[in-house]
All heavy atoms as atom14 arrays in JSON, in Angstrom:
{
  "sequence": "MIVNSSPDSMTLSVGLSSLQGQYLTNYPVLMAGSFLAILPMLILFMIL",
  "atom14_mask": [
    [1, 1, 1, 1, 1, 1, 1, 1, 0, 0, 0, 0, 0, 0],
    [1, 1, 1, 1, 1, 1, 1, 1, 0, 0, 0, 0, 0, 0],
    [1, 1, 1, 1, 1, 1, 1, 0, 0, 0, 0, 0, 0, 0],
    [1, 1, 1, 1, 1, 1, 1, 1, 0, 0, 0, 0, 0, 0],
    [1, 1, 1, 1, 1, 1, 0, 0, 0, 0, 0, 0, 0, 0],
    [1, 1, 1, 1, 1, 1, 0, 0, 0, 0, 0, 0, 0, 0],
    [1, 1, 1, 1, 1, 1, 1, 0, 0, 0, 0, 0, 0, 0],
    [1, 1, 1, 1, 1, 1, 1, 1, 0, 0, 0, 0, 0, 0],
    [1, 1, 1, 1, 1, 1, 0, 0, 0, 0, 0, 0, 0, 0],
    [1, 1, 1, 1, 1, 1, 1, 1, 0, 0, 0, 0, 0, 0],
    [1, 1, 1, 1, 1, 1, 1, 0, 0, 0, 0, 0, 0, 0],
    [1, 1, 1, 1, 1, 1, 1, 1, 0, 0, 0, 0, 0, 0],
    [1, 1, 1, 1, 1, 1, 0, 0, 0, 0, 0, 0, 0, 0],
    [1, 1, 1, 1, 1, 1, 1, 0, 0, 0, 0, 0, 0, 0],
    [1, 1, 1, 1, 0, 0, 0, 0, 0, 0, 0, 0, 0, 0],
    [1, 1, 1, 1, 1, 1, 1, 1, 0, 0, 0, 0, 0, 0],
    [1, 1, 1, 1, 1, 1, 0, 0, 0, 0, 0, 0, 0, 0],
    [1, 1, 1, 1, 1, 1, 0, 0, 0, 0, 0, 0, 0, 0],
    [1, 1, 1, 1, 1, 1, 1, 1, 0, 0, 0, 0, 0, 0],
    [1, 1, 1, 1, 1, 1, 1, 1, 1, 0, 0, 0, 0, 0],
    [1, 1, 1, 1, 0, 0, 0, 0, 0, 0, 0, 0, 0, 0],
    [1, 1, 1, 1, 1, 1, 1, 1, 1, 0, 0, 0, 0, 0],
    [1, 1, 1, 1, 1, 1, 1, 1, 1, 1, 1, 1, 0, 0],
    [1, 1, 1, 1, 1, 1, 1, 1, 0, 0, 0, 0, 0, 0],
    [1, 1, 1, 1, 1, 1, 1, 0, 0, 0, 0, 0, 0, 0],
    [1, 1, 1, 1, 1, 1, 1, 1, 0, 0, 0, 0, 0, 0],
    [1, 1, 1, 1, 1, 1, 1, 1, 1, 1, 1, 1, 0, 0],
    [1, 1, 1, 1, 1, 1, 1, 0, 0, 0, 0, 0, 0, 0],
    [1, 1, 1, 1, 1, 1, 1, 0, 0, 0, 0, 0, 0, 0],
    [1, 1, 1, 1, 1, 1, 1, 1, 0, 0, 0, 0, 0, 0],
    [1, 1, 1, 1, 1, 1, 1, 1, 0, 0, 0, 0, 0, 0],
    [1, 1, 1, 1, 1, 0, 0, 0, 0, 0, 0, 0, 0, 0],
    [1, 1, 1, 1, 0, 0, 0, 0, 0, 0, 0, 0, 0, 0],
    [1, 1, 1, 1, 1, 1, 0, 0, 0, 0, 0, 0, 0, 0],
    [1, 1, 1, 1, 1, 1, 1, 1, 1, 1, 1, 0, 0, 0],
    [1, 1, 1, 1, 1, 1, 1, 1, 0, 0, 0, 0, 0, 0],
    [1, 1, 1, 1, 1, 0, 0, 0, 0, 0, 0, 0, 0, 0],
    [1, 1, 1, 1, 1, 1, 1, 1, 0, 0, 0, 0, 0, 0],
    [1, 1, 1, 1, 1, 1, 1, 1, 0, 0, 0, 0, 0, 0],
    [1, 1, 1, 1, 1, 1, 1, 0, 0, 0, 0, 0, 0, 0],
    [1, 1, 1, 1, 1, 1, 1, 1, 0, 0, 0, 0, 0, 0],
    [1, 1, 1, 1, 1, 1, 1, 1, 0, 0, 0, 0, 0, 0],
    [1, 1, 1, 1, 1, 1, 1, 1, 0, 0, 0, 0, 0, 0],
    [1, 1, 1, 1, 1, 1, 1, 1, 0, 0, 0, 0, 0, 0],
    [1, 1, 1, 1, 1, 1, 1, 1, 1, 1, 1, 0, 0, 0],
    [1, 1, 1, 1, 1, 1, 1, 1, 0, 0, 0, 0, 0, 0],
    [1, 1, 1, 1, 1, 1, 1, 1, 0, 0, 0, 0, 0, 0],
    [1, 1, 1, 1, 1, 1, 1, 1, 0, 0, 0, 0, 0, 0]
  ],
  "atom14_positions": [
    [[8.7, -70.67, 43.12], [8.88, -69.26, 43.44], [8.24, -68.36, 42.37], [7.73, -67.28, 42.69], [10.38, -68.94, 43.56], [10.67, -67.49, 43.94], [12.45, -67.17, 44.06], [12.86, -68.1, 45.53], [0.0, 0.0, 0.0], [0.0, 0.0, 0.0], [0.0, 0.0, 0.0], [0.0, 0.0, 0.0], [0.0, 0.0, 0.0], [0.0, 0.0, 0.0]],
    [[8.24, -68.82, 41.13], [7.69, -68.02, 40.04], [6.17, -67.98, 40.08], [5.56, -66.93, 39.89], [8.17, -68.57, 38.68], [9.67, -68.29, 38.51], [7.39, -67.94, 37.51], [10.27, -68.91, 37.28], [0.0, 0.0, 0.0], [0.0, 0.0, 0.0], [0.0, 0.0, 0.0], [0.0, 0.0, 0.0], [0.0, 0.0, 0.0], [0.0, 0.0, 0.0]],
    [[5.53, -69.11, 40.33], [4.06, -69.18, 40.22], [3.34, -68.98, 41.54], [2.12, -68.83, 41.56], [3.62, -70.52, 39.6], [4.11, -70.64, 38.18], [4.11, -71.71, 40.43], [0.0, 0.0, 0.0], [0.0, 0.0, 0.0], [0.0, 0.0, 0.0], [0.0, 0.0, 0.0], [0.0, 0.0, 0.0], [0.0, 0.0, 0.0], [0.0, 0.0, 0.0]],
    [[4.08, -69.0, 42.67], [3.44, -68.87, 43.97], [4.08, -67.76, 44.79], [5.28, -67.79, 45.05], [3.52, -70.18, 44.77], [2.47, -71.18, 44.35], [1.42, -70.81, 43.82], [2.73, -72.45, 44.57], [0.0, 0.0, 0.0], [0.0, 0.0, 0.0], [0.0, 0.0, 0.0], [0.0, 0.0, 0.0], [0.0, 0.0, 0.0], [0.0, 0.0, 0.0]],
    [[3.28, -66.81, 45.2], [3.74, -65.77, 46.12], [2.86, -65.7, 47.36], [3.12, -64.9, 48.25], [3.76, -64.4, 45.43], [2.46, -64.07, 44.95], [0.0, 0.0, 0.0], [0.0, 0.0, 0.0], [0.0, 0.0, 0.0], [0.0, 0.0, 0.0], [0.0, 0.0, 0.0], [0.0, 0.0, 0.0], [0.0, 0.0, 0.0], [0.0, 0.0, 0.0]],
    [[1.84, -66.54, 47.41], [0.93, -66.56, 48.55], [1.42, -67.57, 49.59], [1.74, -68.72, 49.23], [-0.48, -66.94, 48.1], [-1.32, -67.18, 49.21], [0.0, 0.0, 0.0], [0.0, 0.0, 0.0], [0.0, 0.0, 0.0], [0.0, 0.0, 0.0], [0.0, 0.0, 0.0], [0.0, 0.0, 0.0], [0.0, 0.0, 0.0], [0.0, 0.0, 0.0]],
    [[1.47, -67.2, 50.88], [1.89, -68.15, 51.92], [1.01, -69.39, 51.99], [1.47, -70.44, 52.45], [1.8, -67.32, 53.21], [1.89, -65.89, 52.77], [1.24, -65.84, 51.42], [0.0, 0.0, 0.0], [0.0, 0.0, 0.0], [0.0, 0.0, 0.0], [0.0, 0.0, 0.0], [0.0, 0.0, 0.0], [0.0, 0.0, 0.0], [0.0, 0.0, 0.0]],
    [[-0.23, -69.29, 51.55], [-1.14, -70.43, 51.62], [-0.73, -71.55, 50.68], [-1.09, -72.71, 50.92], [-2.57, -69.99, 51.28], [-3.16, -69.08, 52.35], [-2.72, -69.18, 53.51], [-4.04, -68.26, 52.02], [0.0, 0.0, 0.0], [0.0, 0.0, 0.0], [0.0, 0.0, 0.0], [0.0, 0.0, 0.0], [0.0, 0.0, 0.0], [0.0, 0.0, 0.0]],
    [[0.0, -71.25, 49.62], [0.4, -72.29, 48.66], [1.92, -72.33, 48.48], [2.4, -72.91, 47.51], [-0.27, -72.04, 47.31], [-0.02, -70.73, 46.84], [0.0, 0.0, 0.0], [0.0, 0.0, 0.0], [0.0, 0.0, 0.0], [0.0, 0.0, 0.0], [0.0, 0.0, 0.0], [0.0, 0.0, 0.0], [0.0, 0.0, 0.0], [0.0, 0.0, 0.0]],
    [[2.66, -71.74, 49.4], [4.11, -71.67, 49.27], [4.75, -72.98, 49.76], [4.24, -73.64, 50.66], [4.64, -70.49, 50.09], [6.04, -70.04, 49.74], [6.47, -68.49, 50.6], [5.52, -67.3, 49.64], [0.0, 0.0, 0.0], [0.0, 0.0, 0.0], [0.0, 0.0, 0.0], [0.0, 0.0, 0.0], [0.0, 0.0, 0.0], [0.0, 0.0, 0.0]],
    [[5.86, -73.35, 49.13], [6.58, -74.56, 49.52], [7.71, -74.25, 50.49], [8.06, -73.09, 50.71], [7.15, -75.26, 48.27], [8.09, -74.38, 47.64], [6.06, -75.62, 47.29], [0.0, 0.0, 0.0], [0.0, 0.0, 0.0], [0.0, 0.0, 0.0], [0.0, 0.0, 0.0], [0.0, 0.0, 0.0], [0.0, 0.0, 0.0], [0.0, 0.0, 0.0]],
    [[8.31, -75.3, 51.03], [9.38, -75.13, 52.01], [10.59, -74.39, 51.42], [11.15, -73.5, 52.06], [9.83, -76.49, 52.53], [9.22, -76.99, 53.84], [9.75, -78.38, 54.15], [9.53, -76.04, 54.98], [0.0, 0.0, 0.0], [0.0, 0.0, 0.0], [0.0, 0.0, 0.0], [0.0, 0.0, 0.0], [0.0, 0.0, 0.0], [0.0, 0.0, 0.0]],
    [[10.99, -74.77, 50.22], [12.18, -74.16, 49.63], [11.98, -72.67, 49.42], [12.88, -71.86, 49.68], [12.51, -74.84, 48.3], [11.4, -74.8, 47.42], [0.0, 0.0, 0.0], [0.0, 0.0, 0.0], [0.0, 0.0, 0.0], [0.0, 0.0, 0.0], [0.0, 0.0, 0.0], [0.0, 0.0, 0.0], [0.0, 0.0, 0.0], [0.0, 0.0, 0.0]],
    [[10.78, -72.27, 48.97], [10.5, -70.85, 48.77], [10.42, -70.13, 50.11], [10.92, -69.02, 50.27], [9.19, -70.66, 47.98], [8.88, -69.18, 47.8], [9.28, -71.35, 46.62], [0.0, 0.0, 0.0], [0.0, 0.0, 0.0], [0.0, 0.0, 0.0], [0.0, 0.0, 0.0], [0.0, 0.0, 0.0], [0.0, 0.0, 0.0], [0.0, 0.0, 0.0]],
    [[9.77, -70.76, 51.09], [9.67, -70.15, 52.41], [11.03, -69.93, 53.05], [11.29, -68.87, 53.64], [0.0, 0.0, 0.0], [0.0, 0.0, 0.0], [0.0, 0.0, 0.0], [0.0, 0.0, 0.0], [0.0, 0.0, 0.0], [0.0, 0.0, 0.0], [0.0, 0.0, 0.0], [0.0, 0.0, 0.0], [0.0, 0.0, 0.0], [0.0, 0.0, 0.0]],
    [[11.92, -70.92, 52.92], [13.25, -70.78, 53.51], [14.06, -69.69, 52.8], [14.89, -69.02, 53.43], [13.99, -72.11, 53.43], [13.49, -73.22, 54.36], [14.21, -74.52, 54.09], [13.65, -72.82, 55.82], [0.0, 0.0, 0.0], [0.0, 0.0, 0.0], [0.0, 0.0, 0.0], [0.0, 0.0, 0.0], [0.0, 0.0, 0.0], [0.0, 0.0, 0.0]],
    [[13.83, -69.54, 51.5], [14.57, -68.5, 50.77], [14.22, -67.1, 51.28], [15.01, -66.17, 51.13], [14.29, -68.59, 49.27], [12.94, -68.24, 48.98], [0.0, 0.0, 0.0], [0.0, 0.0, 0.0], [0.0, 0.0, 0.0], [0.0, 0.0, 0.0], [0.0, 0.0, 0.0], [0.0, 0.0, 0.0], [0.0, 0.0, 0.0], [0.0, 0.0, 0.0]],
    [[13.03, -66.96, 51.88], [12.63, -65.66, 52.41], [13.42, -65.28, 53.66], [13.39, -64.13, 54.09], [11.13, -65.65, 52.72], [10.82, -66.54, 53.79], [0.0, 0.0, 0.0], [0.0, 0.0, 0.0], [0.0, 0.0, 0.0], [0.0, 0.0, 0.0], [0.0, 0.0, 0.0], [0.0, 0.0, 0.0], [0.0, 0.0, 0.0], [0.0, 0.0, 0.0]],
    [[14.13, -66.25, 54.25], [14.96, -65.96, 55.42], [16.26, -65.27, 55.03], [16.98, -64.77, 55.9], [15.27, -67.25, 56.19], [14.08, -67.97, 56.84], [14.54, -69.27, 57.47], [13.43, -67.06, 57.89], [0.0, 0.0, 0.0], [0.0, 0.0, 0.0], [0.0, 0.0, 0.0], [0.0, 0.0, 0.0], [0.0, 0.0, 0.0], [0.0, 0.0, 0.0]],
    [[16.58, -65.27, 53.75], [17.79, -64.59, 53.28], [17.47, -63.13, 53.01], [16.62, -62.81, 52.17], [18.3, -65.25, 52.0], [18.85, -66.66, 52.23], [19.42, -67.23, 50.96], [18.7, -67.64, 50.07], [20.74, -67.28, 50.89], [0.0, 0.0, 0.0], [0.0, 0.0, 0.0], [0.0, 0.0, 0.0], [0.0, 0.0, 0.0], [0.0, 0.0, 0.0]],
    [[18.13, -62.24, 53.75], [17.92, -60.82, 53.58], [18.83, -60.23, 52.52], [19.8, -60.87, 52.1], [0.0, 0.0, 0.0], [0.0, 0.0, 0.0], [0.0, 0.0, 0.0], [0.0, 0.0, 0.0], [0.0, 0.0, 0.0], [0.0, 0.0, 0.0], [0.0, 0.0, 0.0], [0.0, 0.0, 0.0], [0.0, 0.0, 0.0], [0.0, 0.0, 0.0]],
    [[18.53, -59.01, 52.09], [19.35, -58.35, 51.08], [20.71, -57.94, 51.64], [21.72, -58.02, 50.95], [18.61, -57.13, 50.54], [19.36, -56.41, 49.41], [18.56, -55.26, 48.84], [17.45, -54.99, 49.28], [19.13, -54.57, 47.86], [0.0, 0.0, 0.0], [0.0, 0.0, 0.0], [0.0, 0.0, 0.0], [0.0, 0.0, 0.0], [0.0, 0.0, 0.0]],
    [[20.72, -57.52, 52.89], [21.96, -57.02, 53.49], [22.44, -57.91, 54.65], [23.62, -57.88, 55.0], [21.76, -55.6, 54.01], [21.33, -54.63, 52.94], [20.03, -54.16, 52.89], [22.23, -54.22, 51.95], [19.63, -53.28, 51.89], [21.84, -53.35, 50.95], [20.53, -52.87, 50.92], [20.13, -52.01, 49.94], [0.0, 0.0, 0.0], [0.0, 0.0, 0.0]],
    [[21.54, -58.66, 55.26], [21.9, -59.48, 56.42], [21.1, -60.76, 56.41], [19.89, -60.75, 56.18], [21.62, -58.71, 57.72], [21.92, -59.46, 59.03], [23.42, -59.7, 59.17], [21.38, -58.67, 60.23], [0.0, 0.0, 0.0], [0.0, 0.0, 0.0], [0.0, 0.0, 0.0], [0.0, 0.0, 0.0], [0.0, 0.0, 0.0], [0.0, 0.0, 0.0]],
    [[21.8, -61.87, 56.6], [21.14, -63.18, 56.67], [21.51, -63.84, 57.97], [22.7, -63.97, 58.3], [21.57, -64.08, 55.51], [21.18, -63.47, 54.27], [20.89, -65.44, 55.61], [0.0, 0.0, 0.0], [0.0, 0.0, 0.0], [0.0, 0.0, 0.0], [0.0, 0.0, 0.0], [0.0, 0.0, 0.0], [0.0, 0.0, 0.0], [0.0, 0.0, 0.0]],
    [[20.5, -64.25, 58.73], [20.74, -64.95, 59.99], [21.02, -66.42, 59.65], [20.12, -67.25, 59.56], [19.52, -64.83, 60.9], [19.82, -65.3, 62.31], [20.68, -66.15, 62.53], [19.1, -64.75, 63.28], [0.0, 0.0, 0.0], [0.0, 0.0, 0.0], [0.0, 0.0, 0.0], [0.0, 0.0, 0.0], [0.0, 0.0, 0.0], [0.0, 0.0, 0.0]],
    [[22.29, -66.73, 59.44], [22.67, -68.06, 58.96], [22.29, -69.2, 59.91], [21.86, -70.26, 59.46], [24.17, -68.1, 58.65], [24.55, -67.2, 57.5], [25.23, -66.01, 57.71], [24.21, -67.53, 56.19], [25.57, -65.18, 56.67], [24.54, -66.7, 55.13], [25.22, -65.52, 55.38], [25.56, -64.69, 54.34], [0.0, 0.0, 0.0], [0.0, 0.0, 0.0]],
    [[22.44, -69.05, 61.22], [22.02, -70.14, 62.11], [20.54, -70.48, 61.97], [20.17, -71.67, 61.94], [22.34, -69.59, 63.51], [23.46, -68.63, 63.28], [23.15, -67.99, 61.97], [0.0, 0.0, 0.0], [0.0, 0.0, 0.0], [0.0, 0.0, 0.0], [0.0, 0.0, 0.0], [0.0, 0.0, 0.0], [0.0, 0.0, 0.0], [0.0, 0.0, 0.0]],
    [[19.67, -69.48, 61.88], [18.24, -69.75, 61.71], [17.97, -70.37, 60.35], [17.18, -71.31, 60.22], [17.42, -68.46, 61.89], [15.94, -68.71, 61.6], [17.59, -67.91, 63.31], [0.0, 0.0, 0.0], [0.0, 0.0, 0.0], [0.0, 0.0, 0.0], [0.0, 0.0, 0.0], [0.0, 0.0, 0.0], [0.0, 0.0, 0.0], [0.0, 0.0, 0.0]],
    [[18.65, -69.87, 59.32], [18.49, -70.43, 57.98], [18.93, -71.89, 57.94], [18.26, -72.74, 57.33], [19.29, -69.61, 56.97], [19.25, -70.07, 55.52], [17.83, -70.07, 54.98], [20.15, -69.21, 54.65], [0.0, 0.0, 0.0], [0.0, 0.0, 0.0], [0.0, 0.0, 0.0], [0.0, 0.0, 0.0], [0.0, 0.0, 0.0], [0.0, 0.0, 0.0]],
    [[20.04, -72.19, 58.59], [20.53, -73.57, 58.62], [19.61, -74.47, 59.45], [19.43, -75.65, 59.13], [21.95, -73.62, 59.18], [23.01, -73.03, 58.28], [23.18, -73.85, 56.68], [22.3, -72.69, 55.62], [0.0, 0.0, 0.0], [0.0, 0.0, 0.0], [0.0, 0.0, 0.0], [0.0, 0.0, 0.0], [0.0, 0.0, 0.0], [0.0, 0.0, 0.0]],
    [[19.02, -73.93, 60.49], [18.06, -74.7, 61.29], [16.85, -75.07, 60.45], [16.39, -76.22, 60.46], [17.64, -73.9, 62.52], [0.0, 0.0, 0.0], [0.0, 0.0, 0.0], [0.0, 0.0, 0.0], [0.0, 0.0, 0.0], [0.0, 0.0, 0.0], [0.0, 0.0, 0.0], [0.0, 0.0, 0.0], [0.0, 0.0, 0.0], [0.0, 0.0, 0.0]],
    [[16.32, -74.1, 59.7], [15.19, -74.38, 58.83], [15.56, -75.36, 57.73], [14.77, -76.27, 57.4], [0.0, 0.0, 0.0], [0.0, 0.0, 0.0], [0.0, 0.0, 0.0], [0.0, 0.0, 0.0], [0.0, 0.0, 0.0], [0.0, 0.0, 0.0], [0.0, 0.0, 0.0], [0.0, 0.0, 0.0], [0.0, 0.0, 0.0], [0.0, 0.0, 0.0]],
    [[16.74, -75.21, 57.16], [17.18, -76.12, 56.09], [17.37, -77.53, 56.61], [17.03, -78.5, 55.93], [18.5, -75.61, 55.48], [18.33, -74.32, 54.94], [0.0, 0.0, 0.0], [0.0, 0.0, 0.0], [0.0, 0.0, 0.0], [0.0, 0.0, 0.0], [0.0, 0.0, 0.0], [0.0, 0.0, 0.0], [0.0, 0.0, 0.0], [0.0, 0.0, 0.0]],
    [[17.91, -77.65, 57.82], [18.1, -78.99, 58.4], [16.75, -79.67, 58.64], [16.59, -80.86, 58.35], [18.88, -78.89, 59.7], [19.21, -80.22, 60.31], [20.24, -81.0, 59.8], [18.47, -80.72, 61.38], [20.54, -82.24, 60.35], [18.77, -81.96, 61.93], [19.81, -82.72, 61.42], [0.0, 0.0, 0.0], [0.0, 0.0, 0.0], [0.0, 0.0, 0.0]],
    [[15.78, -78.92, 59.15], [14.44, -79.49, 59.35], [13.8, -79.88, 58.02], [13.06, -80.87, 57.93], [13.55, -78.48, 60.08], [13.89, -78.19, 61.54], [13.01, -77.06, 62.07], [13.71, -79.45, 62.4], [0.0, 0.0, 0.0], [0.0, 0.0, 0.0], [0.0, 0.0, 0.0], [0.0, 0.0, 0.0], [0.0, 0.0, 0.0], [0.0, 0.0, 0.0]],
    [[14.1, -79.1, 56.97], [13.5, -79.36, 55.66], [14.06, -80.63, 55.01], [13.32, -81.37, 54.34], [13.71, -78.16, 54.74], [0.0, 0.0, 0.0], [0.0, 0.0, 0.0], [0.0, 0.0, 0.0], [0.0, 0.0, 0.0], [0.0, 0.0, 0.0], [0.0, 0.0, 0.0], [0.0, 0.0, 0.0], [0.0, 0.0, 0.0], [0.0, 0.0, 0.0]],
    [[15.36, -80.89, 55.19], [15.96, -82.05, 54.53], [15.84, -83.32, 55.37], [16.06, -84.42, 54.86], [17.45, -81.81, 54.22], [18.27, -81.73, 55.52], [17.65, -80.58, 53.37], [19.76, -81.76, 55.29], [0.0, 0.0, 0.0], [0.0, 0.0, 0.0], [0.0, 0.0, 0.0], [0.0, 0.0, 0.0], [0.0, 0.0, 0.0], [0.0, 0.0, 0.0]],
    [[15.45, -83.18, 56.63], [15.38, -84.35, 57.51], [14.46, -85.44, 56.97], [14.84, -86.62, 56.97], [14.96, -83.91, 58.92], [15.26, -84.89, 60.05], [16.74, -85.23, 60.11], [14.79, -84.31, 61.39], [0.0, 0.0, 0.0], [0.0, 0.0, 0.0], [0.0, 0.0, 0.0], [0.0, 0.0, 0.0], [0.0, 0.0, 0.0], [0.0, 0.0, 0.0]],
    [[13.24, -85.12, 56.49], [12.38, -86.19, 55.94], [13.02, -86.91, 54.76], [12.86, -88.12, 54.61], [11.11, -85.44, 55.51], [11.09, -84.2, 56.34], [12.53, -83.82, 56.52], [0.0, 0.0, 0.0], [0.0, 0.0, 0.0], [0.0, 0.0, 0.0], [0.0, 0.0, 0.0], [0.0, 0.0, 0.0], [0.0, 0.0, 0.0], [0.0, 0.0, 0.0]],
    [[13.75, -86.18, 53.9], [14.38, -86.81, 52.75], [15.54, -87.7, 53.17], [15.76, -88.77, 52.58], [14.89, -85.73, 51.79], [13.79, -84.92, 51.13], [12.65, -85.9, 50.11], [11.27, -86.11, 51.25], [0.0, 0.0, 0.0], [0.0, 0.0, 0.0], [0.0, 0.0, 0.0], [0.0, 0.0, 0.0], [0.0, 0.0, 0.0], [0.0, 0.0, 0.0]],
    [[16.27, -87.31, 54.19], [17.35, -88.15, 54.69], [16.81, -89.46, 55.26], [17.35, -90.53, 55.02], [18.15, -87.4, 55.77], [19.05, -86.26, 55.3], [19.68, -85.56, 56.5], [20.12, -86.76, 54.36], [0.0, 0.0, 0.0], [0.0, 0.0, 0.0], [0.0, 0.0, 0.0], [0.0, 0.0, 0.0], [0.0, 0.0, 0.0], [0.0, 0.0, 0.0]],
    [[15.72, -89.35, 56.01], [15.1, -90.55, 56.58], [14.59, -91.46, 55.48], [14.76, -92.69, 55.51], [13.96, -90.14, 57.54], [14.54, -89.39, 58.74], [13.19, -91.37, 58.01], [13.48, -88.8, 59.66], [0.0, 0.0, 0.0], [0.0, 0.0, 0.0], [0.0, 0.0, 0.0], [0.0, 0.0, 0.0], [0.0, 0.0, 0.0], [0.0, 0.0, 0.0]],
    [[13.94, -90.86, 54.45], [13.42, -91.65, 53.33], [14.54, -92.37, 52.6], [14.41, -93.55, 52.26], [12.66, -90.73, 52.36], [12.08, -91.38, 51.11], [10.97, -92.36, 51.51], [11.55, -90.34, 50.14], [0.0, 0.0, 0.0], [0.0, 0.0, 0.0], [0.0, 0.0, 0.0], [0.0, 0.0, 0.0], [0.0, 0.0, 0.0], [0.0, 0.0, 0.0]],
    [[15.64, -91.68, 52.36], [16.75, -92.31, 51.65], [17.36, -93.44, 52.46], [17.71, -94.49, 51.92], [17.82, -91.27, 51.3], [19.01, -91.86, 50.59], [18.94, -92.2, 49.26], [20.2, -92.09, 51.27], [20.03, -92.75, 48.6], [21.29, -92.65, 50.63], [21.21, -92.97, 49.29], [0.0, 0.0, 0.0], [0.0, 0.0, 0.0], [0.0, 0.0, 0.0]],
    [[17.5, -93.25, 53.77], [18.08, -94.3, 54.6], [17.2, -95.53, 54.64], [17.69, -96.66, 54.68], [18.32, -93.76, 56.02], [19.51, -92.81, 56.12], [19.93, -92.37, 57.82], [18.53, -91.32, 58.26], [0.0, 0.0, 0.0], [0.0, 0.0, 0.0], [0.0, 0.0, 0.0], [0.0, 0.0, 0.0], [0.0, 0.0, 0.0], [0.0, 0.0, 0.0]],
    [[15.88, -95.33, 54.58], [14.96, -96.47, 54.58], [15.01, -97.22, 53.25], [14.97, -98.46, 53.22], [13.53, -95.99, 54.89], [13.44, -95.45, 56.33], [12.52, -97.13, 54.7], [12.1, -94.84, 56.66], [0.0, 0.0, 0.0], [0.0, 0.0, 0.0], [0.0, 0.0, 0.0], [0.0, 0.0, 0.0], [0.0, 0.0, 0.0], [0.0, 0.0, 0.0]],
    [[15.1, -96.47, 52.14], [14.97, -97.06, 50.81], [16.29, -97.13, 50.04], [16.28, -97.35, 48.84], [13.95, -96.27, 49.98], [12.53, -96.21, 50.53], [11.67, -95.33, 49.64], [11.93, -97.61, 50.61], [0.0, 0.0, 0.0], [0.0, 0.0, 0.0], [0.0, 0.0, 0.0], [0.0, 0.0, 0.0], [0.0, 0.0, 0.0], [0.0, 0.0, 0.0]]
  ]
}
């Protein structure tokens, strides 16, 4: 988040943090994005 502000080089964690608003956060959409983001890591851990 500190060194990248361009969407071309942004990571998933930084991109998902942009879904949090200052006054309102759409939690279902945020949780949907978070679930998609952790899914590869869950699969990797179950395999290894």
